[in-house]
Amino acid sequence: MSDDLNFSEMLRDSADSAESFLWKAITAINSRLGEGYAEQHPELISAFMMAAAIEDAGLMIANTLKPCINNSRPLE
């Protein structure tokens, strides 16, 4: 994600990420637990998407804070 994204672009990227997380969740669950299992257990899809979104947000926050961390001094 570019540093210069406006709000509309961020919303579009978020929707694209959510769709990607959805399909990855269904594919991963069904490949491990059998075809159709994800559709029968939407709570697994939800948990997978939540975990993916949390990880994505953490990476975005870390990337945003990287300049601050790199320029900081150690605590004394």
PDB file of N, CA and C in Angstrom:
ATOM      1  N   MET A   1       0.841  -1.166   0.000  1.00  0.00           N
ATOM      2  CA  MET A   1       0.000   0.000   0.000  1.00  0.00           C
ATOM      3  C   MET A   1       0.891   1.235   0.000  1.00  0.00           C
ATOM      4  N   SER A   2       0.595   2.180  -0.868  1.00  0.00           N
ATOM      5  CA  SER A   2       1.389   3.392  -0.999  1.00  0.00           C
ATOM      6  C   SER A   2       1.159   4.326   0.180  1.00  0.00           C
ATOM      7  N   ASP A   3       2.188   5.122   0.499  1.00  0.00           N
ATOM      8  CA  ASP A   3       2.068   6.094   1.577  1.00  0.00           C
ATOM      9  C   ASP A   3       1.108   7.221   1.216  1.00  0.00           C
ATOM     10  N   ASP A   4       0.849   7.421  -0.070  1.00  0.00           N
ATOM     11  CA  ASP A   4       0.060   8.550  -0.532  1.00  0.00           C
ATOM     12  C   ASP A   4      -1.379   8.190  -0.889  1.00  0.00           C
ATOM     13  N   LEU A   5      -1.886   7.098  -0.382  1.00  0.00           N
ATOM     14  CA  LEU A   5      -3.259   6.706  -0.691  1.00  0.00           C
ATOM     15  C   LEU A   5      -4.244   7.656  -0.035  1.00  0.00           C
ATOM     16  N   ASN A   6      -5.317   7.978  -0.767  1.00  0.00           N
ATOM     17  CA  ASN A   6      -6.370   8.767  -0.140  1.00  0.00           C
ATOM     18  C   ASN A   6      -7.394   7.805   0.477  1.00  0.00           C
ATOM     19  N   PHE A   7      -8.370   8.372   1.149  1.00  0.00           N
ATOM     20  CA  PHE A   7      -9.333   7.549   1.882  1.00  0.00           C
ATOM     21  C   PHE A   7     -10.092   6.597   0.961  1.00  0.00           C
ATOM     22  N   SER A   8     -10.523   7.067  -0.208  1.00  0.00           N
ATOM     23  CA  SER A   8     -11.256   6.210  -1.148  1.00  0.00           C
ATOM     24  C   SER A   8     -10.409   5.029  -1.606  1.00  0.00           C
ATOM     25  N   GLU A   9      -9.137   5.276  -1.860  1.00  0.00           N
ATOM     26  CA  GLU A   9      -8.243   4.193  -2.267  1.00  0.00           C
ATOM     27  C   GLU A   9      -8.042   3.198  -1.141  1.00  0.00           C
ATOM     28  N   MET A  10      -7.942   3.698   0.095  1.00  0.00           N
ATOM     29  CA  MET A  10      -7.788   2.797   1.236  1.00  0.00           C
ATOM     30  C   MET A  10      -9.018   1.920   1.409  1.00  0.00           C
ATOM     31  N   LEU A  11     -10.212   2.485   1.221  1.00  0.00           N
ATOM     32  CA  LEU A  11     -11.443   1.696   1.324  1.00  0.00           C
ATOM     33  C   LEU A  11     -11.480   0.622   0.249  1.00  0.00           C
ATOM     34  N   ARG A  12     -11.096   0.973  -0.976  1.00  0.00           N
ATOM     35  CA  ARG A  12     -11.072   0.002  -2.068  1.00  0.00           C
ATOM     36  C   ARG A  12     -10.075  -1.108  -1.771  1.00  0.00           C
ATOM     37  N   ASP A  13      -8.884  -0.738  -1.285  1.00  0.00           N
ATOM     38  CA  ASP A  13      -7.879  -1.739  -0.942  1.00  0.00           C
ATOM     39  C   ASP A  13      -8.365  -2.652   0.179  1.00  0.00           C
ATOM     40  N   SER A  14      -9.083  -2.081   1.142  1.00  0.00           N
ATOM     41  CA  SER A  14      -9.620  -2.892   2.242  1.00  0.00           C
ATOM     42  C   SER A  14     -10.640  -3.896   1.734  1.00  0.00           C
ATOM     43  N   ALA A  15     -11.496  -3.474   0.838  1.00  0.00           N
ATOM     44  CA  ALA A  15     -12.486  -4.388   0.266  1.00  0.00           C
ATOM     45  C   ALA A  15     -11.797  -5.492  -0.527  1.00  0.00           C
ATOM     46  N   ASP A  16     -10.770  -5.126  -1.286  1.00  0.00           N
ATOM     47  CA  ASP A  16     -10.018  -6.133  -2.043  1.00  0.00           C
ATOM     48  C   ASP A  16      -9.342  -7.123  -1.101  1.00  0.00           C
ATOM     49  N   SER A  17      -8.795  -6.626   0.001  1.00  0.00           N
ATOM     50  CA  SER A  17      -8.151  -7.509   0.981  1.00  0.00           C
ATOM     51  C   SER A  17      -9.164  -8.461   1.594  1.00  0.00           C
ATOM     52  N   ALA A  18     -10.331  -7.947   1.956  1.00  0.00           N
ATOM     53  CA  ALA A  18     -11.363  -8.791   2.563  1.00  0.00           C
ATOM     54  C   ALA A  18     -11.788  -9.895   1.602  1.00  0.00           C
ATOM     55  N   GLU A  19     -11.953  -9.559   0.328  1.00  0.00           N
ATOM     56  CA  GLU A  19     -12.330 -10.577  -0.652  1.00  0.00           C
ATOM     57  C   GLU A  19     -11.225 -11.621  -0.802  1.00  0.00           C
ATOM     58  N   SER A  20      -9.990 -11.163  -0.811  1.00  0.00           N
ATOM     59  CA  SER A  20      -8.858 -12.080  -0.904  1.00  0.00           C
ATOM     60  C   SER A  20      -8.810 -12.997   0.315  1.00  0.00           C
ATOM     61  N   PHE A  21      -9.006 -12.430   1.517  1.00  0.00           N
ATOM     62  CA  PHE A  21      -9.010 -13.233   2.742  1.00  0.00           C
ATOM     63  C   PHE A  21     -10.123 -14.275   2.695  1.00  0.00           C
ATOM     64  N   LEU A  22     -11.297 -13.886   2.173  1.00  0.00           N
ATOM     65  CA  LEU A  22     -12.430 -14.805   2.091  1.00  0.00           C
ATOM     66  C   LEU A  22     -12.086 -16.024   1.236  1.00  0.00           C
ATOM     67  N   TRP A  23     -11.575 -15.783   0.036  1.00  0.00           N
ATOM     68  CA  TRP A  23     -11.274 -16.893  -0.863  1.00  0.00           C
ATOM     69  C   TRP A  23     -10.115 -17.741  -0.354  1.00  0.00           C
ATOM     70  N   LYS A  24      -9.141 -17.102   0.257  1.00  0.00           N
ATOM     71  CA  LYS A  24      -8.028 -17.869   0.831  1.00  0.00           C
ATOM     72  C   LYS A  24      -8.514 -18.728   1.989  1.00  0.00           C
ATOM     73  N   ALA A  25      -9.429 -18.184   2.793  1.00  0.00           N
ATOM     74  CA  ALA A  25      -9.985 -18.955   3.915  1.00  0.00           C
ATOM     75  C   ALA A  25     -10.715 -20.183   3.415  1.00  0.00           C
ATOM     76  N   ILE A  26     -11.594 -19.995   2.451  1.00  0.00           N
ATOM     77  CA  ILE A  26     -12.377 -21.116   1.928  1.00  0.00           C
ATOM     78  C   ILE A  26     -11.460 -22.179   1.330  1.00  0.00           C
ATOM     79  N   THR A  27     -10.493 -21.742   0.544  1.00  0.00           N
ATOM     80  CA  THR A  27      -9.565 -22.674  -0.095  1.00  0.00           C
ATOM     81  C   THR A  27      -8.744 -23.440   0.937  1.00  0.00           C
ATOM     82  N   ALA A  28      -8.199 -22.723   1.920  1.00  0.00           N
ATOM     83  CA  ALA A  28      -7.361 -23.368   2.938  1.00  0.00           C
ATOM     84  C   ALA A  28      -8.158 -24.364   3.778  1.00  0.00           C
ATOM     85  N   ILE A  29      -9.346 -23.962   4.199  1.00  0.00           N
ATOM     86  CA  ILE A  29     -10.170 -24.833   5.050  1.00  0.00           C
ATOM     87  C   ILE A  29     -10.590 -26.086   4.284  1.00  0.00           C
ATOM     88  N   ASN A  30     -11.093 -25.873   3.070  1.00  0.00           N
ATOM     89  CA  ASN A  30     -11.549 -27.022   2.273  1.00  0.00           C
ATOM     90  C   ASN A  30     -10.401 -27.948   1.897  1.00  0.00           C
ATOM     91  N   SER A  31      -9.222 -27.408   1.649  1.00  0.00           N
ATOM     92  CA  SER A  31      -8.104 -28.276   1.264  1.00  0.00           C
ATOM     93  C   SER A  31      -7.635 -29.135   2.434  1.00  0.00           C
ATOM     94  N   ARG A  32      -7.830 -28.670   3.651  1.00  0.00           N
ATOM     95  CA  ARG A  32      -7.382 -29.423   4.819  1.00  0.00           C
ATOM     96  C   ARG A  32      -8.468 -30.319   5.413  1.00  0.00           C
ATOM     97  N   LEU A  33      -9.720 -29.859   5.307  1.00  0.00           N
ATOM     98  CA  LEU A  33     -10.799 -30.561   6.003  1.00  0.00           C
ATOM     99  C   LEU A  33     -11.848 -31.173   5.075  1.00  0.00           C
ATOM    100  N   GLY A  34     -11.677 -31.004   3.786  1.00  0.00           N
ATOM    101  CA  GLY A  34     -12.602 -31.611   2.831  1.00  0.00           C
ATOM    102  C   GLY A  34     -13.459 -30.576   2.121  1.00  0.00           C
ATOM    103  N   GLU A  35     -13.750 -30.871   0.870  1.00  0.00           N
ATOM    104  CA  GLU A  35     -14.540 -29.967   0.035  1.00  0.00           C
ATOM    105  C   GLU A  35     -15.897 -29.697   0.678  1.00  0.00           C
ATOM    106  N   GLY A  36     -16.256 -28.419   0.765  1.00  0.00           N
ATOM    107  CA  GLY A  36     -17.539 -28.016   1.329  1.00  0.00           C
ATOM    108  C   GLY A  36     -17.521 -27.771   2.825  1.00  0.00           C
ATOM    109  N   TYR A  37     -16.419 -28.137   3.496  1.00  0.00           N
ATOM    110  CA  TYR A  37     -16.365 -27.986   4.949  1.00  0.00           C
ATOM    111  C   TYR A  37     -16.455 -26.514   5.359  1.00  0.00           C
ATOM    112  N   ALA A  38     -15.772 -25.650   4.629  1.00  0.00           N
ATOM    113  CA  ALA A  38     -15.799 -24.216   4.964  1.00  0.00           C
ATOM    114  C   ALA A  38     -17.215 -23.659   4.880  1.00  0.00           C
ATOM    115  N   GLU A  39     -17.926 -24.040   3.822  1.00  0.00           N
ATOM    116  CA  GLU A  39     -19.292 -23.544   3.653  1.00  0.00           C
ATOM    117  C   GLU A  39     -20.210 -24.037   4.769  1.00  0.00           C
ATOM    118  N   GLN A  40     -19.938 -25.220   5.298  1.00  0.00           N
ATOM    119  CA  GLN A  40     -20.742 -25.767   6.388  1.00  0.00           C
ATOM    120  C   GLN A  40     -20.344 -25.186   7.748  1.00  0.00           C
ATOM    121  N   HIS A  41     -19.185 -24.533   7.802  1.00  0.00           N
ATOM    122  CA  HIS A  41     -18.676 -23.980   9.066  1.00  0.00           C
ATOM    123  C   HIS A  41     -18.207 -22.546   8.865  1.00  0.00           C
ATOM    124  N   PRO A  42     -19.163 -21.621   8.695  1.00  0.00           N
ATOM    125  CA  PRO A  42     -18.799 -20.223   8.445  1.00  0.00           C
ATOM    126  C   PRO A  42     -18.007 -19.592   9.598  1.00  0.00           C
ATOM    127  N   GLU A  43     -18.119 -20.175  10.789  1.00  0.00           N
ATOM    128  CA  GLU A  43     -17.337 -19.637  11.922  1.00  0.00           C
ATOM    129  C   GLU A  43     -15.839 -19.807  11.679  1.00  0.00           C
ATOM    130  N   LEU A  44     -15.445 -20.856  10.948  1.00  0.00           N
ATOM    131  CA  LEU A  44     -14.027 -21.042  10.609  1.00  0.00           C
ATOM    132  C   LEU A  44     -13.571 -19.996   9.600  1.00  0.00           C
ATOM    133  N   ILE A  45     -14.439 -19.694   8.638  1.00  0.00           N
ATOM    134  CA  ILE A  45     -14.116 -18.647   7.666  1.00  0.00           C
ATOM    135  C   ILE A  45     -13.947 -17.324   8.398  1.00  0.00           C
ATOM    136  N   SER A  46     -14.852 -17.029   9.298  1.00  0.00           N
ATOM    137  CA  SER A  46     -14.798 -15.793  10.069  1.00  0.00           C
ATOM    138  C   SER A  46     -13.509 -15.693  10.891  1.00  0.00           C
ATOM    139  N   ALA A  47     -13.144 -16.768  11.566  1.00  0.00           N
ATOM    140  CA  ALA A  47     -11.925 -16.776  12.385  1.00  0.00           C
ATOM    141  C   ALA A  47     -10.680 -16.597  11.515  1.00  0.00           C
ATOM    142  N   PHE A  48     -10.654 -17.261  10.369  1.00  0.00           N
ATOM    143  CA  PHE A  48      -9.524 -17.137   9.452  1.00  0.00           C
ATOM    144  C   PHE A  48      -9.399 -15.700   8.966  1.00  0.00           C
ATOM    145  N   MET A  49     -10.526 -15.112   8.553  1.00  0.00           N
ATOM    146  CA  MET A  49     -10.505 -13.733   8.056  1.00  0.00           C
ATOM    147  C   MET A  49     -10.096 -12.754   9.146  1.00  0.00           C
ATOM    148  N   MET A  50     -10.544 -12.977  10.364  1.00  0.00           N
ATOM    149  CA  MET A  50     -10.173 -12.108  11.482  1.00  0.00           C
ATOM    150  C   MET A  50      -8.667 -12.184  11.736  1.00  0.00           C
ATOM    151  N   ALA A  51      -8.131 -13.389  11.753  1.00  0.00           N
ATOM    152  CA  ALA A  51      -6.693 -13.558  11.978  1.00  0.00           C
ATOM    153  C   ALA A  51      -5.888 -12.894  10.862  1.00  0.00           C
ATOM    154  N   ALA A  52      -6.333 -13.057   9.624  1.00  0.00           N
ATOM    155  CA  ALA A  52      -5.627 -12.446   8.498  1.00  0.00           C
ATOM    156  C   ALA A  52      -5.692 -10.919   8.576  1.00  0.00           C
ATOM    157  N   ALA A  53      -6.848 -10.384   8.938  1.00  0.00           N
ATOM    158  CA  ALA A  53      -6.999  -8.932   9.046  1.00  0.00           C
ATOM    159  C   ALA A  53      -6.149  -8.362  10.177  1.00  0.00           C
ATOM    160  N   ILE A  54      -6.088  -9.073  11.301  1.00  0.00           N
ATOM    161  CA  ILE A  54      -5.261  -8.617  12.423  1.00  0.00           C
ATOM    162  C   ILE A  54      -3.790  -8.616  12.035  1.00  0.00           C
ATOM    163  N   GLU A  55      -3.346  -9.679  11.363  1.00  0.00           N
ATOM    164  CA  GLU A  55      -1.954  -9.734  10.932  1.00  0.00           C
ATOM    165  C   GLU A  55      -1.647  -8.615   9.934  1.00  0.00           C
ATOM    166  N   ASP A  56      -2.557  -8.381   9.002  1.00  0.00           N
ATOM    167  CA  ASP A  56      -2.384  -7.325   8.013  1.00  0.00           C
ATOM    168  C   ASP A  56      -2.307  -5.960   8.685  1.00  0.00           C
ATOM    169  N   ALA A  57      -3.186  -5.715   9.647  1.00  0.00           N
ATOM    170  CA  ALA A  57      -3.175  -4.436  10.366  1.00  0.00           C
ATOM    171  C   ALA A  57      -1.877  -4.264  11.148  1.00  0.00           C
ATOM    172  N   GLY A  58      -1.419  -5.333  11.780  1.00  0.00           N
ATOM    173  CA  GLY A  58      -0.158  -5.265  12.521  1.00  0.00           C
ATOM    174  C   GLY A  58       1.009  -4.926  11.621  1.00  0.00           C
ATOM    175  N   LEU A  59       1.034  -5.520  10.432  1.00  0.00           N
ATOM    176  CA  LEU A  59       2.107  -5.216   9.483  1.00  0.00           C
ATOM    177  C   LEU A  59       2.037  -3.770   9.010  1.00  0.00           C
ATOM    178  N   MET A  60       0.828  -3.270   8.788  1.00  0.00           N
ATOM    179  CA  MET A  60       0.664  -1.872   8.370  1.00  0.00           C
ATOM    180  C   MET A  60       1.119  -0.922   9.473  1.00  0.00           C
ATOM    181  N   ILE A  61       0.748  -1.221  10.704  1.00  0.00           N
ATOM    182  CA  ILE A  61       1.159  -0.379  11.830  1.00  0.00           C
ATOM    183  C   ILE A  61       2.671  -0.407  11.992  1.00  0.00           C
ATOM    184  N   ALA A  62       3.252  -1.595  11.925  1.00  0.00           N
ATOM    185  CA  ALA A  62       4.707  -1.709  12.046  1.00  0.00           C
ATOM    186  C   ALA A  62       5.411  -0.943  10.943  1.00  0.00           C
ATOM    187  N   ASN A  63       4.892  -1.039   9.728  1.00  0.00           N
ATOM    188  CA  ASN A  63       5.494  -0.320   8.606  1.00  0.00           C
ATOM    189  C   ASN A  63       5.379   1.185   8.794  1.00  0.00           C
ATOM    190  N   THR A  64       4.243   1.637   9.321  1.00  0.00           N
ATOM    191  CA  THR A  64       4.035   3.059   9.556  1.00  0.00           C
ATOM    192  C   THR A  64       4.964   3.579  10.649  1.00  0.00           C
ATOM    193  N   LEU A  65       5.179   2.769  11.686  1.00  0.00           N
ATOM    194  CA  LEU A  65       6.007   3.194  12.816  1.00  0.00           C
ATOM    195  C   LEU A  65       7.506   2.988  12.592  1.00  0.00           C
ATOM    196  N   LYS A  66       7.866   2.267  11.551  1.00  0.00           N
ATOM    197  CA  LYS A  66       9.277   1.959  11.308  1.00  0.00           C
ATOM    198  C   LYS A  66      10.172   3.202  11.330  1.00  0.00           C
ATOM    199  N   PRO A  67       9.801   4.307  10.659  1.00  0.00           N
ATOM    200  CA  PRO A  67      10.668   5.493  10.718  1.00  0.00           C
ATOM    201  C   PRO A  67      10.827   6.037  12.139  1.00  0.00           C
ATOM    202  N   CYS A  68       9.764   5.986  12.923  1.00  0.00           N
ATOM    203  CA  CYS A  68       9.844   6.467  14.310  1.00  0.00           C
ATOM    204  C   CYS A  68      10.769   5.575  15.135  1.00  0.00           C
ATOM    205  N   ILE A  69      10.650   4.285  14.944  1.00  0.00           N
ATOM    206  CA  ILE A  69      11.465   3.340  15.701  1.00  0.00           C
ATOM    207  C   ILE A  69      12.936   3.464  15.294  1.00  0.00           C
ATOM    208  N   ASN A  70      13.176   3.606  13.996  1.00  0.00           N
ATOM    209  CA  ASN A  70      14.553   3.716  13.515  1.00  0.00           C
ATOM    210  C   ASN A  70      15.248   4.982  13.989  1.00  0.00           C
ATOM    211  N   ASN A  71      14.455   6.025  14.261  1.00  0.00           N
ATOM    212  CA  ASN A  71      15.020   7.306  14.684  1.00  0.00           C
ATOM    213  C   ASN A  71      15.003   7.500  16.193  1.00  0.00           C
ATOM    214  N   SER A  72      14.528   6.513  16.915  1.00  0.00           N
ATOM    215  CA  SER A  72      14.424   6.670  18.368  1.00  0.00           C
ATOM    216  C   SER A  72      15.729   6.292  19.058  1.00  0.00           C
ATOM    217  N   ARG A  73      15.835   6.761  20.274  1.00  0.00           N
ATOM    218  CA  ARG A  73      17.012   6.432  21.100  1.00  0.00           C
ATOM    219  C   ARG A  73      16.605   5.346  22.083  1.00  0.00           C
ATOM    220  N   PRO A  74      17.544   4.508  22.503  1.00  0.00           N
ATOM    221  CA  PRO A  74      17.220   3.490  23.504  1.00  0.00           C
ATOM    222  C   PRO A  74      16.798   4.139  24.823  1.00  0.00           C
ATOM    223  N   LEU A  75      15.935   3.471  25.540  1.00  0.00           N
ATOM    224  CA  LEU A  75      15.524   3.950  26.866  1.00  0.00           C
ATOM    225  C   LEU A  75      16.705   3.835  27.820  1.00  0.00           C
ATOM    226  N   GLU A  76      16.814   4.815  28.656  1.00  0.00           N
ATOM    227  CA  GLU A  76      17.910   4.805  29.633  1.00  0.00           C
ATOM    228  C   GLU A  76      17.405   4.553  31.023  1.00  0.00           C
TER     229      GLU A  76
END
